[in-house]
mmCIF file of all heavy atoms, coordinates in Angstrom:
data_MODEL
# 
_entry.id   MODEL 
# 
loop_
_atom_site.group_PDB 
_atom_site.id 
_atom_site.type_symbol 
_atom_site.label_atom_id 
_atom_site.label_alt_id 
_atom_site.label_comp_id 
_atom_site.label_asym_id 
_atom_site.label_entity_id 
_atom_site.label_seq_id 
_atom_site.pdbx_PDB_ins_code 
_atom_site.Cartn_x 
_atom_site.Cartn_y 
_atom_site.Cartn_z 
_atom_site.occupancy 
_atom_site.B_iso_or_equiv 
_atom_site.pdbx_formal_charge 
_atom_site.auth_seq_id 
_atom_site.auth_comp_id 
_atom_site.auth_asym_id 
_atom_site.auth_atom_id 
_atom_site.pdbx_PDB_model_num 
ATOM 1   N N   . GLY A 1 1  ? 47.507 43.476 -7.197 1.00 0.00 ? 1  GLY A N   1 
ATOM 2   C CA  . GLY A 1 1  ? 46.405 42.505 -7.322 1.00 0.00 ? 1  GLY A CA  1 
ATOM 3   C C   . GLY A 1 1  ? 45.949 41.867 -6.056 1.00 0.00 ? 1  GLY A C   1 
ATOM 4   O O   . GLY A 1 1  ? 45.190 40.856 -6.123 1.00 0.00 ? 1  GLY A O   1 
ATOM 5   N N   . VAL A 1 2  ? 46.287 42.459 -4.902 1.00 0.00 ? 2  VAL A N   1 
ATOM 6   C CA  . VAL A 1 2  ? 45.946 41.844 -3.635 1.00 0.00 ? 2  VAL A CA  1 
ATOM 7   C C   . VAL A 1 2  ? 45.153 42.829 -2.727 1.00 0.00 ? 2  VAL A C   1 
ATOM 8   O O   . VAL A 1 2  ? 45.526 44.015 -2.580 1.00 0.00 ? 2  VAL A O   1 
ATOM 9   C CB  . VAL A 1 2  ? 47.225 41.468 -2.820 1.00 0.00 ? 2  VAL A CB  1 
ATOM 10  C CG1 . VAL A 1 2  ? 46.921 40.808 -1.454 1.00 0.00 ? 2  VAL A CG1 1 
ATOM 11  C CG2 . VAL A 1 2  ? 48.108 40.485 -3.661 1.00 0.00 ? 2  VAL A CG2 1 
ATOM 12  N N   . ASP A 1 3  ? 44.041 42.325 -2.285 1.00 0.00 ? 3  ASP A N   1 
ATOM 13  C CA  . ASP A 1 3  ? 43.246 43.054 -1.267 1.00 0.00 ? 3  ASP A CA  1 
ATOM 14  C C   . ASP A 1 3  ? 43.364 42.339 0.166  1.00 0.00 ? 3  ASP A C   1 
ATOM 15  O O   . ASP A 1 3  ? 43.755 41.223 0.240  1.00 0.00 ? 3  ASP A O   1 
ATOM 16  C CB  . ASP A 1 3  ? 41.734 42.987 -1.690 1.00 0.00 ? 3  ASP A CB  1 
ATOM 17  C CG  . ASP A 1 3  ? 41.483 43.891 -2.905 1.00 0.00 ? 3  ASP A CG  1 
ATOM 18  O OD1 . ASP A 1 3  ? 42.233 44.785 -3.209 1.00 0.00 ? 3  ASP A OD1 1 
ATOM 19  O OD2 . ASP A 1 3  ? 40.465 43.578 -3.576 1.00 0.00 ? 3  ASP A OD2 1 
ATOM 20  N N   . LEU A 1 4  ? 42.971 43.061 1.182  1.00 0.00 ? 4  LEU A N   1 
ATOM 21  C CA  . LEU A 1 4  ? 43.036 42.589 2.539  1.00 0.00 ? 4  LEU A CA  1 
ATOM 22  C C   . LEU A 1 4  ? 41.730 42.713 3.196  1.00 0.00 ? 4  LEU A C   1 
ATOM 23  O O   . LEU A 1 4  ? 41.032 43.681 3.122  1.00 0.00 ? 4  LEU A O   1 
ATOM 24  C CB  . LEU A 1 4  ? 44.121 43.372 3.293  1.00 0.00 ? 4  LEU A CB  1 
ATOM 25  C CG  . LEU A 1 4  ? 44.137 43.108 4.820  1.00 0.00 ? 4  LEU A CG  1 
ATOM 26  C CD1 . LEU A 1 4  ? 44.737 41.736 5.061  1.00 0.00 ? 4  LEU A CD1 1 
ATOM 27  C CD2 . LEU A 1 4  ? 44.993 44.187 5.470  1.00 0.00 ? 4  LEU A CD2 1 
ATOM 28  N N   . LEU A 1 5  ? 41.333 41.615 3.912  1.00 0.00 ? 5  LEU A N   1 
ATOM 29  C CA  . LEU A 1 5  ? 40.222 41.651 4.818  1.00 0.00 ? 5  LEU A CA  1 
ATOM 30  C C   . LEU A 1 5  ? 40.764 41.531 6.242  1.00 0.00 ? 5  LEU A C   1 
ATOM 31  O O   . LEU A 1 5  ? 41.324 40.550 6.677  1.00 0.00 ? 5  LEU A O   1 
ATOM 32  C CB  . LEU A 1 5  ? 39.246 40.469 4.555  1.00 0.00 ? 5  LEU A CB  1 
ATOM 33  C CG  . LEU A 1 5  ? 37.986 40.483 5.414  1.00 0.00 ? 5  LEU A CG  1 
ATOM 34  C CD1 . LEU A 1 5  ? 37.104 41.715 5.141  1.00 0.00 ? 5  LEU A CD1 1 
ATOM 35  C CD2 . LEU A 1 5  ? 37.169 39.176 5.220  1.00 0.00 ? 5  LEU A CD2 1 
ATOM 36  N N   . THR A 1 6  ? 40.649 42.660 6.953  1.00 0.00 ? 6  THR A N   1 
ATOM 37  C CA  . THR A 1 6  ? 41.172 42.709 8.307  1.00 0.00 ? 6  THR A CA  1 
ATOM 38  C C   . THR A 1 6  ? 40.404 41.852 9.289  1.00 0.00 ? 6  THR A C   1 
ATOM 39  O O   . THR A 1 6  ? 39.232 41.503 9.122  1.00 0.00 ? 6  THR A O   1 
ATOM 40  C CB  . THR A 1 6  ? 41.238 44.168 8.811  1.00 0.00 ? 6  THR A CB  1 
ATOM 41  O OG1 . THR A 1 6  ? 39.899 44.655 8.950  1.00 0.00 ? 6  THR A OG1 1 
ATOM 42  C CG2 . THR A 1 6  ? 41.991 45.056 7.875  1.00 0.00 ? 6  THR A CG2 1 
ATOM 43  N N   . ALA A 1 7  ? 40.980 41.626 10.462 1.00 0.00 ? 7  ALA A N   1 
ATOM 44  C CA  . ALA A 1 7  ? 40.395 40.876 11.563 1.00 0.00 ? 7  ALA A CA  1 
ATOM 45  C C   . ALA A 1 7  ? 39.776 41.875 12.497 1.00 0.00 ? 7  ALA A C   1 
ATOM 46  O O   . ALA A 1 7  ? 40.474 42.813 12.872 1.00 0.00 ? 7  ALA A O   1 
ATOM 47  C CB  . ALA A 1 7  ? 41.271 39.938 12.266 1.00 0.00 ? 7  ALA A CB  1 
ATOM 48  N N   . PRO A 1 8  ? 38.522 41.762 12.997 1.00 0.00 ? 8  PRO A N   1 
ATOM 49  C CA  . PRO A 1 8  ? 37.930 42.629 13.959 1.00 0.00 ? 8  PRO A CA  1 
ATOM 50  C C   . PRO A 1 8  ? 38.550 42.441 15.357 1.00 0.00 ? 8  PRO A C   1 
ATOM 51  O O   . PRO A 1 8  ? 38.881 41.269 15.626 1.00 0.00 ? 8  PRO A O   1 
ATOM 52  C CB  . PRO A 1 8  ? 36.473 42.271 13.852 1.00 0.00 ? 8  PRO A CB  1 
ATOM 53  C CG  . PRO A 1 8  ? 36.422 40.803 13.540 1.00 0.00 ? 8  PRO A CG  1 
ATOM 54  C CD  . PRO A 1 8  ? 37.607 40.652 12.604 1.00 0.00 ? 8  PRO A CD  1 
ATOM 55  N N   . ALA A 1 9  ? 38.659 43.426 16.126 1.00 0.00 ? 9  ALA A N   1 
ATOM 56  C CA  . ALA A 1 9  ? 39.056 43.354 17.445 1.00 0.00 ? 9  ALA A CA  1 
ATOM 57  C C   . ALA A 1 9  ? 37.943 42.635 18.233 1.00 0.00 ? 9  ALA A C   1 
ATOM 58  O O   . ALA A 1 9  ? 36.798 42.965 18.089 1.00 0.00 ? 9  ALA A O   1 
ATOM 59  C CB  . ALA A 1 9  ? 39.390 44.671 18.070 1.00 0.00 ? 9  ALA A CB  1 
ATOM 60  N N   . SER A 1 10 ? 38.328 41.751 19.170 1.00 0.00 ? 10 SER A N   1 
ATOM 61  C CA  . SER A 1 10 ? 37.411 41.083 20.001 1.00 0.00 ? 10 SER A CA  1 
ATOM 62  C C   . SER A 1 10 ? 36.867 41.985 21.064 1.00 0.00 ? 10 SER A C   1 
ATOM 63  O O   . SER A 1 10 ? 37.607 42.671 21.747 1.00 0.00 ? 10 SER A O   1 
ATOM 64  C CB  . SER A 1 10 ? 38.050 39.830 20.653 1.00 0.00 ? 10 SER A CB  1 
ATOM 65  O OG  . SER A 1 10 ? 37.085 39.169 21.480 1.00 0.00 ? 10 SER A OG  1 
ATOM 66  N N   . SER A 1 11 ? 35.505 42.024 21.186 1.00 0.00 ? 11 SER A N   1 
ATOM 67  C CA  . SER A 1 11 ? 34.933 42.904 22.157 1.00 0.00 ? 11 SER A CA  1 
ATOM 68  C C   . SER A 1 11 ? 34.660 42.297 23.498 1.00 0.00 ? 11 SER A C   1 
ATOM 69  O O   . SER A 1 11 ? 34.336 42.900 24.466 1.00 0.00 ? 11 SER A O   1 
ATOM 70  C CB  . SER A 1 11 ? 33.536 43.492 21.618 1.00 0.00 ? 11 SER A CB  1 
ATOM 71  O OG  . SER A 1 11 ? 32.696 42.365 21.282 1.00 0.00 ? 11 SER A OG  1 
ATOM 72  N N   . GLY A 1 12 ? 34.765 40.958 23.556 1.00 0.00 ? 12 GLY A N   1 
ATOM 73  C CA  . GLY A 1 12 ? 34.542 40.221 24.752 1.00 0.00 ? 12 GLY A CA  1 
ATOM 74  C C   . GLY A 1 12 ? 35.732 39.308 25.137 1.00 0.00 ? 12 GLY A C   1 
ATOM 75  O O   . GLY A 1 12 ? 36.795 39.561 24.760 1.00 0.00 ? 12 GLY A O   1 
ATOM 76  N N   . GLY A 1 13 ? 35.361 38.206 25.797 1.00 0.00 ? 13 GLY A N   1 
ATOM 77  C CA  . GLY A 1 13 ? 36.426 37.273 26.187 1.00 0.00 ? 13 GLY A CA  1 
ATOM 78  C C   . GLY A 1 13 ? 36.730 36.373 25.037 1.00 0.00 ? 13 GLY A C   1 
ATOM 79  O O   . GLY A 1 13 ? 36.137 36.542 23.851 1.00 0.00 ? 13 GLY A O   1 
ATOM 80  N N   . PRO A 1 14 ? 37.636 35.418 25.196 1.00 0.00 ? 14 PRO A N   1 
ATOM 81  C CA  . PRO A 1 14 ? 37.977 34.455 24.144 1.00 0.00 ? 14 PRO A CA  1 
ATOM 82  C C   . PRO A 1 14 ? 36.765 33.706 23.581 1.00 0.00 ? 14 PRO A C   1 
ATOM 83  O O   . PRO A 1 14 ? 35.864 33.260 24.305 1.00 0.00 ? 14 PRO A O   1 
ATOM 84  C CB  . PRO A 1 14 ? 38.964 33.511 24.810 1.00 0.00 ? 14 PRO A CB  1 
ATOM 85  C CG  . PRO A 1 14 ? 39.509 34.257 25.973 1.00 0.00 ? 14 PRO A CG  1 
ATOM 86  C CD  . PRO A 1 14 ? 38.383 35.135 26.442 1.00 0.00 ? 14 PRO A CD  1 
ATOM 87  N N   . THR A 1 15 ? 36.703 33.627 22.290 1.00 0.00 ? 15 THR A N   1 
ATOM 88  C CA  . THR A 1 15 ? 35.563 32.892 21.647 1.00 0.00 ? 15 THR A CA  1 
ATOM 89  C C   . THR A 1 15 ? 36.049 32.329 20.342 1.00 0.00 ? 15 THR A C   1 
ATOM 90  O O   . THR A 1 15 ? 37.163 32.589 19.862 1.00 0.00 ? 15 THR A O   1 
ATOM 91  C CB  . THR A 1 15 ? 34.398 33.858 21.416 1.00 0.00 ? 15 THR A CB  1 
ATOM 92  O OG1 . THR A 1 15 ? 33.305 33.109 20.903 1.00 0.00 ? 15 THR A OG1 1 
ATOM 93  C CG2 . THR A 1 15 ? 34.810 35.011 20.422 1.00 0.00 ? 15 THR A CG2 1 
ATOM 94  N N   . ILE A 1 16 ? 35.251 31.520 19.709 1.00 0.00 ? 16 ILE A N   1 
ATOM 95  C CA  . ILE A 1 16 ? 35.504 30.975 18.373 1.00 0.00 ? 16 ILE A CA  1 
ATOM 96  C C   . ILE A 1 16 ? 34.331 31.082 17.537 1.00 0.00 ? 16 ILE A C   1 
ATOM 97  O O   . ILE A 1 16 ? 33.178 31.335 18.028 1.00 0.00 ? 16 ILE A O   1 
ATOM 98  C CB  . ILE A 1 16 ? 35.996 29.446 18.461 1.00 0.00 ? 16 ILE A CB  1 
ATOM 99  C CG1 . ILE A 1 16 ? 34.791 28.536 18.984 1.00 0.00 ? 16 ILE A CG1 1 
ATOM 100 C CG2 . ILE A 1 16 ? 37.257 29.318 19.224 1.00 0.00 ? 16 ILE A CG2 1 
ATOM 101 C CD1 . ILE A 1 16 ? 35.089 27.073 18.871 1.00 0.00 ? 16 ILE A CD1 1 
ATOM 102 N N   . HIS A 1 17 ? 34.526 30.942 16.206 1.00 0.00 ? 17 HIS A N   1 
ATOM 103 C CA  . HIS A 1 17 ? 33.368 30.972 15.271 1.00 0.00 ? 17 HIS A CA  1 
ATOM 104 C C   . HIS A 1 17 ? 32.941 29.515 14.941 1.00 0.00 ? 17 HIS A C   1 
ATOM 105 O O   . HIS A 1 17 ? 33.786 28.595 14.912 1.00 0.00 ? 17 HIS A O   1 
ATOM 106 C CB  . HIS A 1 17 ? 33.755 31.642 13.919 1.00 0.00 ? 17 HIS A CB  1 
ATOM 107 C CG  . HIS A 1 17 ? 34.043 33.077 14.115 1.00 0.00 ? 17 HIS A CG  1 
ATOM 108 N ND1 . HIS A 1 17 ? 35.223 33.668 14.519 1.00 0.00 ? 17 HIS A ND1 1 
ATOM 109 C CD2 . HIS A 1 17 ? 33.238 34.177 13.886 1.00 0.00 ? 17 HIS A CD2 1 
ATOM 110 C CE1 . HIS A 1 17 ? 35.180 34.931 14.578 1.00 0.00 ? 17 HIS A CE1 1 
ATOM 111 N NE2 . HIS A 1 17 ? 33.958 35.299 14.236 1.00 0.00 ? 17 HIS A NE2 1 
ATOM 112 N N   . ALA A 1 18 ? 31.675 29.260 14.778 1.00 0.00 ? 18 ALA A N   1 
ATOM 113 C CA  . ALA A 1 18 ? 31.248 28.019 14.350 1.00 0.00 ? 18 ALA A CA  1 
ATOM 114 C C   . ALA A 1 18 ? 31.709 27.651 12.920 1.00 0.00 ? 18 ALA A C   1 
ATOM 115 O O   . ALA A 1 18 ? 31.818 28.600 12.104 1.00 0.00 ? 18 ALA A O   1 
ATOM 116 C CB  . ALA A 1 18 ? 29.665 28.022 14.416 1.00 0.00 ? 18 ALA A CB  1 
ATOM 117 N N   . PRO A 1 19 ? 31.977 26.413 12.697 1.00 0.00 ? 19 PRO A N   1 
ATOM 118 C CA  . PRO A 1 19 ? 32.485 26.037 11.394 1.00 0.00 ? 19 PRO A CA  1 
ATOM 119 C C   . PRO A 1 19 ? 31.547 26.526 10.245 1.00 0.00 ? 19 PRO A C   1 
ATOM 120 O O   . PRO A 1 19 ? 32.048 26.980 9.211  1.00 0.00 ? 19 PRO A O   1 
ATOM 121 C CB  . PRO A 1 19 ? 32.514 24.529 11.398 1.00 0.00 ? 19 PRO A CB  1 
ATOM 122 C CG  . PRO A 1 19 ? 32.750 24.197 12.869 1.00 0.00 ? 19 PRO A CG  1 
ATOM 123 C CD  . PRO A 1 19 ? 32.008 25.240 13.633 1.00 0.00 ? 19 PRO A CD  1 
ATOM 124 N N   . ALA A 1 20 ? 30.243 26.396 10.406 1.00 0.00 ? 20 ALA A N   1 
ATOM 125 C CA  . ALA A 1 20 ? 29.282 26.861 9.418  1.00 0.00 ? 20 ALA A CA  1 
ATOM 126 C C   . ALA A 1 20 ? 29.431 28.308 9.154  1.00 0.00 ? 20 ALA A C   1 
ATOM 127 O O   . ALA A 1 20 ? 29.238 28.748 7.927  1.00 0.00 ? 20 ALA A O   1 
ATOM 128 C CB  . ALA A 1 20 ? 27.854 26.582 9.894  1.00 0.00 ? 20 ALA A CB  1 
ATOM 129 N N   . ALA A 1 21 ? 29.780 29.152 10.092 1.00 0.00 ? 21 ALA A N   1 
ATOM 130 C CA  . ALA A 1 21 ? 30.013 30.511 9.875  1.00 0.00 ? 21 ALA A CA  1 
ATOM 131 C C   . ALA A 1 21 ? 31.189 30.838 8.981  1.00 0.00 ? 21 ALA A C   1 
ATOM 132 O O   . ALA A 1 21 ? 31.131 31.681 8.073  1.00 0.00 ? 21 ALA A O   1 
ATOM 133 C CB  . ALA A 1 21 ? 30.148 31.308 11.232 1.00 0.00 ? 21 ALA A CB  1 
ATOM 134 N N   . TRP A 1 22 ? 32.261 30.066 9.242  1.00 0.00 ? 22 TRP A N   1 
ATOM 135 C CA  . TRP A 1 22 ? 33.453 30.227 8.402  1.00 0.00 ? 22 TRP A CA  1 
ATOM 136 C C   . TRP A 1 22 ? 33.215 29.774 7.034  1.00 0.00 ? 22 TRP A C   1 
ATOM 137 O O   . TRP A 1 22 ? 33.581 30.360 6.006  1.00 0.00 ? 22 TRP A O   1 
ATOM 138 C CB  . TRP A 1 22 ? 34.627 29.492 9.014  1.00 0.00 ? 22 TRP A CB  1 
ATOM 139 C CG  . TRP A 1 22 ? 35.486 30.283 9.973  1.00 0.00 ? 22 TRP A CG  1 
ATOM 140 C CD1 . TRP A 1 22 ? 35.698 30.131 11.269 1.00 0.00 ? 22 TRP A CD1 1 
ATOM 141 C CD2 . TRP A 1 22 ? 36.253 31.485 9.577  1.00 0.00 ? 22 TRP A CD2 1 
ATOM 142 N NE1 . TRP A 1 22 ? 36.563 31.111 11.775 1.00 0.00 ? 22 TRP A NE1 1 
ATOM 143 C CE2 . TRP A 1 22 ? 36.927 31.900 10.799 1.00 0.00 ? 22 TRP A CE2 1 
ATOM 144 C CE3 . TRP A 1 22 ? 36.456 32.198 8.426  1.00 0.00 ? 22 TRP A CE3 1 
ATOM 145 C CZ2 . TRP A 1 22 ? 37.712 33.089 10.770 1.00 0.00 ? 22 TRP A CZ2 1 
ATOM 146 C CZ3 . TRP A 1 22 ? 37.241 33.305 8.400  1.00 0.00 ? 22 TRP A CZ3 1 
ATOM 147 C CH2 . TRP A 1 22 ? 37.900 33.720 9.633  1.00 0.00 ? 22 TRP A CH2 1 
ATOM 148 N N   . VAL A 1 23 ? 32.501 28.591 6.877  1.00 0.00 ? 23 VAL A N   1 
ATOM 149 C CA  . VAL A 1 23 ? 32.269 28.080 5.581  1.00 0.00 ? 23 VAL A CA  1 
ATOM 150 C C   . VAL A 1 23 ? 31.439 29.044 4.730  1.00 0.00 ? 23 VAL A C   1 
ATOM 151 O O   . VAL A 1 23 ? 31.687 29.326 3.523  1.00 0.00 ? 23 VAL A O   1 
ATOM 152 C CB  . VAL A 1 23 ? 31.480 26.713 5.696  1.00 0.00 ? 23 VAL A CB  1 
ATOM 153 C CG1 . VAL A 1 23 ? 30.923 26.274 4.289  1.00 0.00 ? 23 VAL A CG1 1 
ATOM 154 C CG2 . VAL A 1 23 ? 32.384 25.644 6.212  1.00 0.00 ? 23 VAL A CG2 1 
ATOM 155 N N   . GLU A 1 24 ? 30.403 29.629 5.315  1.00 0.00 ? 24 GLU A N   1 
ATOM 156 C CA  . GLU A 1 24 ? 29.498 30.632 4.637  1.00 0.00 ? 24 GLU A CA  1 
ATOM 157 C C   . GLU A 1 24 ? 30.365 31.804 4.208  1.00 0.00 ? 24 GLU A C   1 
ATOM 158 O O   . GLU A 1 24 ? 30.253 32.306 3.089  1.00 0.00 ? 24 GLU A O   1 
ATOM 159 C CB  . GLU A 1 24 ? 28.393 31.071 5.488  1.00 0.00 ? 24 GLU A CB  1 
ATOM 160 C CG  . GLU A 1 24 ? 27.441 32.032 4.782  1.00 0.00 ? 24 GLU A CG  1 
ATOM 161 C CD  . GLU A 1 24 ? 26.285 32.511 5.700  1.00 0.00 ? 24 GLU A CD  1 
ATOM 162 O OE1 . GLU A 1 24 ? 26.261 31.948 6.855  1.00 0.00 ? 24 GLU A OE1 1 
ATOM 163 O OE2 . GLU A 1 24 ? 25.472 33.283 5.283  1.00 0.00 ? 24 GLU A OE2 1 
# 
């Protein structure tokens, strides 16, 4: 009953996602 959404490899330097992007 469990699926996985993998994390993409970062193509550039360190970065973060905006809160609105995570919320959406």
